[in-house]
Every structure is written in structure tokens, then in C-alpha cells.
Amino acid sequence: MALPTRRHSSARRDLRRTNKKLTASNLSTCPQCHEKKLPHRICPNCGYYAGQEEMKVEI
């Protein structure tokens, strides 16, 4: 099995790890109740999607 002959520097290691981070999900605003929701999904607060009530929400 092949082994690296030289050690990678810490700068090279850190450059490789720059893209390994969590990203915040992009939320949109519901046009009915103005709460934050995931895009292209039924609003969990009011139950509307695309201006129509898709499900009843118990409050």
C-alpha cells in the first residue's frame, strides 16, 4: 500500500476543510401569516400553500 512520503502542511489541510461547514437553510416568508417556512412546502403555521388552504392546522 502506498504511503505519502511527505507530511501535508496545516495550511493545506485547512484549505481542504474550508468547505466542510454547515449552511443555514434559506427560509421564505409565508404570504398568509408572514411566518418563516421552507420554500415549496405547506406552511406549518397556517396550512396554506400557493394561496390555497391545503390542510387544517389545530391551534
PDB file of N, CA and C in Angstrom:
ATOM      1  N   MET A   1       0.846  -1.167   0.000  1.00  0.00           N
ATOM      2  CA  MET A   1       0.000   0.000   0.000  1.00  0.00           C
ATOM      3  C   MET A   1       0.897   1.237   0.000  1.00  0.00           C
ATOM      4  N   ALA A   2       0.556   2.191  -0.848  1.00  0.00           N
ATOM      5  CA  ALA A   2       1.380   3.385  -0.982  1.00  0.00           C
ATOM      6  C   ALA A   2       1.132   4.334   0.171  1.00  0.00           C
ATOM      7  N   LEU A   3       2.189   4.954   0.632  1.00  0.00           N
ATOM      8  CA  LEU A   3       2.110   5.935   1.711  1.00  0.00           C
ATOM      9  C   LEU A   3       2.670   7.260   1.220  1.00  0.00           C
ATOM     10  N   PRO A   4       2.143   8.376   1.699  1.00  0.00           N
ATOM     11  CA  PRO A   4       2.705   9.656   1.306  1.00  0.00           C
ATOM     12  C   PRO A   4       4.116   9.816   1.878  1.00  0.00           C
ATOM     13  N   THR A   5       5.020  10.325   1.060  1.00  0.00           N
ATOM     14  CA  THR A   5       6.407  10.450   1.516  1.00  0.00           C
ATOM     15  C   THR A   5       6.589  11.685   2.383  1.00  0.00           C
ATOM     16  N   ARG A   6       5.778  12.710   2.178  1.00  0.00           N
ATOM     17  CA  ARG A   6       5.905  13.931   2.972  1.00  0.00           C
ATOM     18  C   ARG A   6       4.572  14.269   3.630  1.00  0.00           C
ATOM     19  N   ARG A   7       4.694  14.927   4.732  1.00  0.00           N
ATOM     20  CA  ARG A   7       3.512  15.322   5.510  1.00  0.00           C
ATOM     21  C   ARG A   7       2.882  16.558   4.883  1.00  0.00           C
ATOM     22  N   HIS A   8       1.538  16.599   4.808  1.00  0.00           N
ATOM     23  CA  HIS A   8       0.849  17.793   4.325  1.00  0.00           C
ATOM     24  C   HIS A   8       0.910  18.870   5.407  1.00  0.00           C
ATOM     25  N   SER A   9       1.093  20.095   4.990  1.00  0.00           N
ATOM     26  CA  SER A   9       1.159  21.190   5.950  1.00  0.00           C
ATOM     27  C   SER A   9      -0.232  21.470   6.523  1.00  0.00           C
ATOM     28  N   SER A  10      -0.253  22.191   7.645  1.00  0.00           N
ATOM     29  CA  SER A  10      -1.534  22.515   8.263  1.00  0.00           C
ATOM     30  C   SER A  10      -2.328  23.484   7.394  1.00  0.00           C
ATOM     31  N   ALA A  11      -1.652  24.328   6.644  1.00  0.00           N
ATOM     32  CA  ALA A  11      -2.360  25.247   5.746  1.00  0.00           C
ATOM     33  C   ALA A  11      -3.062  24.474   4.637  1.00  0.00           C
ATOM     34  N   ARG A  12      -2.405  23.463   4.118  1.00  0.00           N
ATOM     35  CA  ARG A  12      -3.014  22.646   3.070  1.00  0.00           C
ATOM     36  C   ARG A  12      -4.196  21.861   3.625  1.00  0.00           C
ATOM     37  N   ARG A  13      -4.056  21.355   4.840  1.00  0.00           N
ATOM     38  CA  ARG A  13      -5.156  20.647   5.495  1.00  0.00           C
ATOM     39  C   ARG A  13      -6.341  21.585   5.716  1.00  0.00           C
ATOM     40  N   ASP A  14      -6.067  22.801   6.168  1.00  0.00           N
ATOM     41  CA  ASP A  14      -7.141  23.754   6.437  1.00  0.00           C
ATOM     42  C   ASP A  14      -7.832  24.201   5.156  1.00  0.00           C
ATOM     43  N   LEU A  15      -7.092  24.327   4.063  1.00  0.00           N
ATOM     44  CA  LEU A  15      -7.718  24.671   2.787  1.00  0.00           C
ATOM     45  C   LEU A  15      -8.685  23.575   2.344  1.00  0.00           C
ATOM     46  N   ARG A  16      -8.352  22.347   2.613  1.00  0.00           N
ATOM     47  CA  ARG A  16      -9.243  21.246   2.259  1.00  0.00           C
ATOM     48  C   ARG A  16     -10.495  21.263   3.121  1.00  0.00           C
ATOM     49  N   ARG A  17     -10.381  21.699   4.353  1.00  0.00           N
ATOM     50  CA  ARG A  17     -11.514  21.671   5.276  1.00  0.00           C
ATOM     51  C   ARG A  17     -12.401  22.925   5.217  1.00  0.00           C
ATOM     52  N   THR A  18     -12.083  23.901   4.386  1.00  0.00           N
ATOM     53  CA  THR A  18     -12.863  25.137   4.369  1.00  0.00           C
ATOM     54  C   THR A  18     -14.292  24.904   3.921  1.00  0.00           C
ATOM     55  N   ASN A  19     -14.544  23.916   3.076  1.00  0.00           N
ATOM     56  CA  ASN A  19     -15.890  23.682   2.567  1.00  0.00           C
ATOM     57  C   ASN A  19     -16.708  22.754   3.456  1.00  0.00           C
ATOM     58  N   LYS A  20     -16.124  22.219   4.502  1.00  0.00           N
ATOM     59  CA  LYS A  20     -16.851  21.327   5.402  1.00  0.00           C
ATOM     60  C   LYS A  20     -17.479  22.135   6.519  1.00  0.00           C
ATOM     61  N   LYS A  21     -18.577  22.799   6.209  1.00  0.00           N
ATOM     62  CA  LYS A  21     -19.247  23.589   7.230  1.00  0.00           C
ATOM     63  C   LYS A  21     -20.752  23.485   7.007  1.00  0.00           C
ATOM     64  N   LEU A  22     -21.500  23.738   8.055  1.00  0.00           N
ATOM     65  CA  LEU A  22     -22.949  23.729   7.954  1.00  0.00           C
ATOM     66  C   LEU A  22     -23.430  25.042   7.357  1.00  0.00           C
ATOM     67  N   THR A  23     -24.446  24.953   6.543  1.00  0.00           N
ATOM     68  CA  THR A  23     -25.033  26.164   5.976  1.00  0.00           C
ATOM     69  C   THR A  23     -26.457  26.293   6.495  1.00  0.00           C
ATOM     70  N   ALA A  24     -26.863  27.500   6.743  1.00  0.00           N
ATOM     71  CA  ALA A  24     -28.220  27.752   7.214  1.00  0.00           C
ATOM     72  C   ALA A  24     -29.196  27.552   6.056  1.00  0.00           C
ATOM     73  N   SER A  25     -30.337  26.950   6.360  1.00  0.00           N
ATOM     74  CA  SER A  25     -31.326  26.749   5.314  1.00  0.00           C
ATOM     75  C   SER A  25     -31.975  28.077   4.971  1.00  0.00           C
ATOM     76  N   ASN A  26     -32.238  28.267   3.680  1.00  0.00           N
ATOM     77  CA  ASN A  26     -32.829  29.520   3.249  1.00  0.00           C
ATOM     78  C   ASN A  26     -34.345  29.441   3.451  1.00  0.00           C
ATOM     79  N   LEU A  27     -34.844  30.287   4.309  1.00  0.00           N
ATOM     80  CA  LEU A  27     -36.257  30.300   4.641  1.00  0.00           C
ATOM     81  C   LEU A  27     -36.956  31.399   3.862  1.00  0.00           C
ATOM     82  N   SER A  28     -38.216  31.148   3.528  1.00  0.00           N
ATOM     83  CA  SER A  28     -39.027  32.176   2.894  1.00  0.00           C
ATOM     84  C   SER A  28     -40.151  32.554   3.845  1.00  0.00           C
ATOM     85  N   THR A  29     -40.852  33.615   3.513  1.00  0.00           N
ATOM     86  CA  THR A  29     -41.932  34.102   4.356  1.00  0.00           C
ATOM     87  C   THR A  29     -43.264  33.661   3.777  1.00  0.00           C
ATOM     88  N   CYS A  30     -44.137  33.166   4.619  1.00  0.00           N
ATOM     89  CA  CYS A  30     -45.474  32.759   4.194  1.00  0.00           C
ATOM     90  C   CYS A  30     -46.279  34.011   3.854  1.00  0.00           C
ATOM     91  N   PRO A  31     -46.934  34.059   2.682  1.00  0.00           N
ATOM     92  CA  PRO A  31     -47.706  35.264   2.339  1.00  0.00           C
ATOM     93  C   PRO A  31     -48.991  35.414   3.150  1.00  0.00           C
ATOM     94  N   GLN A  32     -49.476  34.338   3.778  1.00  0.00           N
ATOM     95  CA  GLN A  32     -50.710  34.409   4.563  1.00  0.00           C
ATOM     96  C   GLN A  32     -50.456  34.891   5.985  1.00  0.00           C
ATOM     97  N   CYS A  33     -49.558  34.209   6.703  1.00  0.00           N
ATOM     98  CA  CYS A  33     -49.355  34.501   8.123  1.00  0.00           C
ATOM     99  C   CYS A  33     -48.021  35.186   8.409  1.00  0.00           C
ATOM    100  N   HIS A  34     -47.178  35.336   7.382  1.00  0.00           N
ATOM    101  CA  HIS A  34     -45.884  36.025   7.488  1.00  0.00           C
ATOM    102  C   HIS A  34     -44.925  35.357   8.474  1.00  0.00           C
ATOM    103  N   GLU A  35     -45.033  34.044   8.618  1.00  0.00           N
ATOM    104  CA  GLU A  35     -44.081  33.275   9.417  1.00  0.00           C
ATOM    105  C   GLU A  35     -43.030  32.688   8.480  1.00  0.00           C
ATOM    106  N   LYS A  36     -41.880  32.339   9.022  1.00  0.00           N
ATOM    107  CA  LYS A  36     -40.827  31.714   8.238  1.00  0.00           C
ATOM    108  C   LYS A  36     -41.190  30.262   7.945  1.00  0.00           C
ATOM    109  N   LYS A  37     -40.902  29.807   6.703  1.00  0.00           N
ATOM    110  CA  LYS A  37     -41.172  28.429   6.309  1.00  0.00           C
ATOM    111  C   LYS A  37     -40.168  28.020   5.247  1.00  0.00           C
ATOM    112  N   LEU A  38     -40.042  26.725   5.029  1.00  0.00           N
ATOM    113  CA  LEU A  38     -39.193  26.234   3.963  1.00  0.00           C
ATOM    114  C   LEU A  38     -39.880  26.482   2.621  1.00  0.00           C
ATOM    115  N   PRO A  39     -39.130  26.843   1.588  1.00  0.00           N
ATOM    116  CA  PRO A  39     -39.763  27.110   0.309  1.00  0.00           C
ATOM    117  C   PRO A  39     -40.348  25.844  -0.319  1.00  0.00           C
ATOM    118  N   HIS A  40     -41.424  25.997  -1.080  1.00  0.00           N
ATOM    119  CA  HIS A  40     -42.113  24.921  -1.802  1.00  0.00           C
ATOM    120  C   HIS A  40     -42.696  23.886  -0.856  1.00  0.00           C
ATOM    121  N   ARG A  41     -43.132  24.315   0.319  1.00  0.00           N
ATOM    122  CA  ARG A  41     -43.755  23.413   1.286  1.00  0.00           C
ATOM    123  C   ARG A  41     -44.948  24.106   1.921  1.00  0.00           C
ATOM    124  N   ILE A  42     -45.859  23.299   2.441  1.00  0.00           N
ATOM    125  CA  ILE A  42     -47.016  23.843   3.139  1.00  0.00           C
ATOM    126  C   ILE A  42     -46.534  24.531   4.411  1.00  0.00           C
ATOM    127  N   CYS A  43     -47.117  25.676   4.711  1.00  0.00           N
ATOM    128  CA  CYS A  43     -46.747  26.407   5.911  1.00  0.00           C
ATOM    129  C   CYS A  43     -47.215  25.619   7.135  1.00  0.00           C
ATOM    130  N   PRO A  44     -46.322  25.286   8.066  1.00  0.00           N
ATOM    131  CA  PRO A  44     -46.748  24.530   9.240  1.00  0.00           C
ATOM    132  C   PRO A  44     -47.573  25.354  10.209  1.00  0.00           C
ATOM    133  N   ASN A  45     -47.541  26.677  10.070  1.00  0.00           N
ATOM    134  CA  ASN A  45     -48.269  27.536  10.992  1.00  0.00           C
ATOM    135  C   ASN A  45     -49.735  27.698  10.580  1.00  0.00           C
ATOM    136  N   CYS A  46     -49.989  27.970   9.291  1.00  0.00           N
ATOM    137  CA  CYS A  46     -51.362  28.236   8.861  1.00  0.00           C
ATOM    138  C   CYS A  46     -51.911  27.179   7.913  1.00  0.00           C
ATOM    139  N   GLY A  47     -51.073  26.341   7.289  1.00  0.00           N
ATOM    140  CA  GLY A  47     -51.542  25.278   6.420  1.00  0.00           C
ATOM    141  C   GLY A  47     -51.789  25.697   4.984  1.00  0.00           C
ATOM    142  N   TYR A  48     -51.339  26.877   4.575  1.00  0.00           N
ATOM    143  CA  TYR A  48     -51.558  27.348   3.217  1.00  0.00           C
ATOM    144  C   TYR A  48     -50.351  27.037   2.341  1.00  0.00           C
ATOM    145  N   TYR A  49     -50.632  26.825   1.053  1.00  0.00           N
ATOM    146  CA  TYR A  49     -49.590  26.677   0.040  1.00  0.00           C
ATOM    147  C   TYR A  49     -50.118  27.263  -1.254  1.00  0.00           C
ATOM    148  N   ALA A  50     -49.392  28.173  -1.848  1.00  0.00           N
ATOM    149  CA  ALA A  50     -49.743  28.828  -3.106  1.00  0.00           C
ATOM    150  C   ALA A  50     -51.114  29.487  -3.034  1.00  0.00           C
ATOM    151  N   GLY A  51     -51.443  30.086  -1.899  1.00  0.00           N
ATOM    152  CA  GLY A  51     -52.683  30.817  -1.756  1.00  0.00           C
ATOM    153  C   GLY A  51     -53.908  29.974  -1.478  1.00  0.00           C
ATOM    154  N   GLN A  52     -53.750  28.668  -1.333  1.00  0.00           N
ATOM    155  CA  GLN A  52     -54.872  27.784  -1.051  1.00  0.00           C
ATOM    156  C   GLN A  52     -54.626  27.056   0.255  1.00  0.00           C
ATOM    157  N   GLU A  53     -55.709  26.812   0.986  1.00  0.00           N
ATOM    158  CA  GLU A  53     -55.574  26.064   2.232  1.00  0.00           C
ATOM    159  C   GLU A  53     -55.455  24.588   1.886  1.00  0.00           C
ATOM    160  N   GLU A  54     -54.340  23.984   2.242  1.00  0.00           N
ATOM    161  CA  GLU A  54     -54.069  22.594   1.888  1.00  0.00           C
ATOM    162  C   GLU A  54     -54.352  21.649   3.050  1.00  0.00           C
ATOM    163  N   MET A  55     -54.250  22.122   4.272  1.00  0.00           N
ATOM    164  CA  MET A  55     -54.524  21.267   5.419  1.00  0.00           C
ATOM    165  C   MET A  55     -55.028  22.119   6.568  1.00  0.00           C
ATOM    166  N   LYS A  56     -55.800  21.508   7.424  1.00  0.00           N
ATOM    167  CA  LYS A  56     -56.299  22.195   8.610  1.00  0.00           C
ATOM    168  C   LYS A  56     -55.231  22.118   9.698  1.00  0.00           C
ATOM    169  N   VAL A  57     -54.997  23.242  10.371  1.00  0.00           N
ATOM    170  CA  VAL A  57     -53.997  23.300  11.432  1.00  0.00           C
ATOM    171  C   VAL A  57     -54.731  23.542  12.747  1.00  0.00           C
ATOM    172  N   GLU A  58     -54.508  22.669  13.709  1.00  0.00           N
ATOM    173  CA  GLU A  58     -55.081  22.833  15.035  1.00  0.00           C
ATOM    174  C   GLU A  58     -54.236  23.809  15.834  1.00  0.00           C
ATOM    175  N   ILE A  59     -54.857  24.824  16.384  1.00  0.00           N
ATOM    176  CA  ILE A  59     -54.117  25.828  17.161  1.00  0.00           C
ATOM    177  C   ILE A  59     -54.389  25.662  18.637  1.00  0.00           C
TER     178      ILE A  59
END
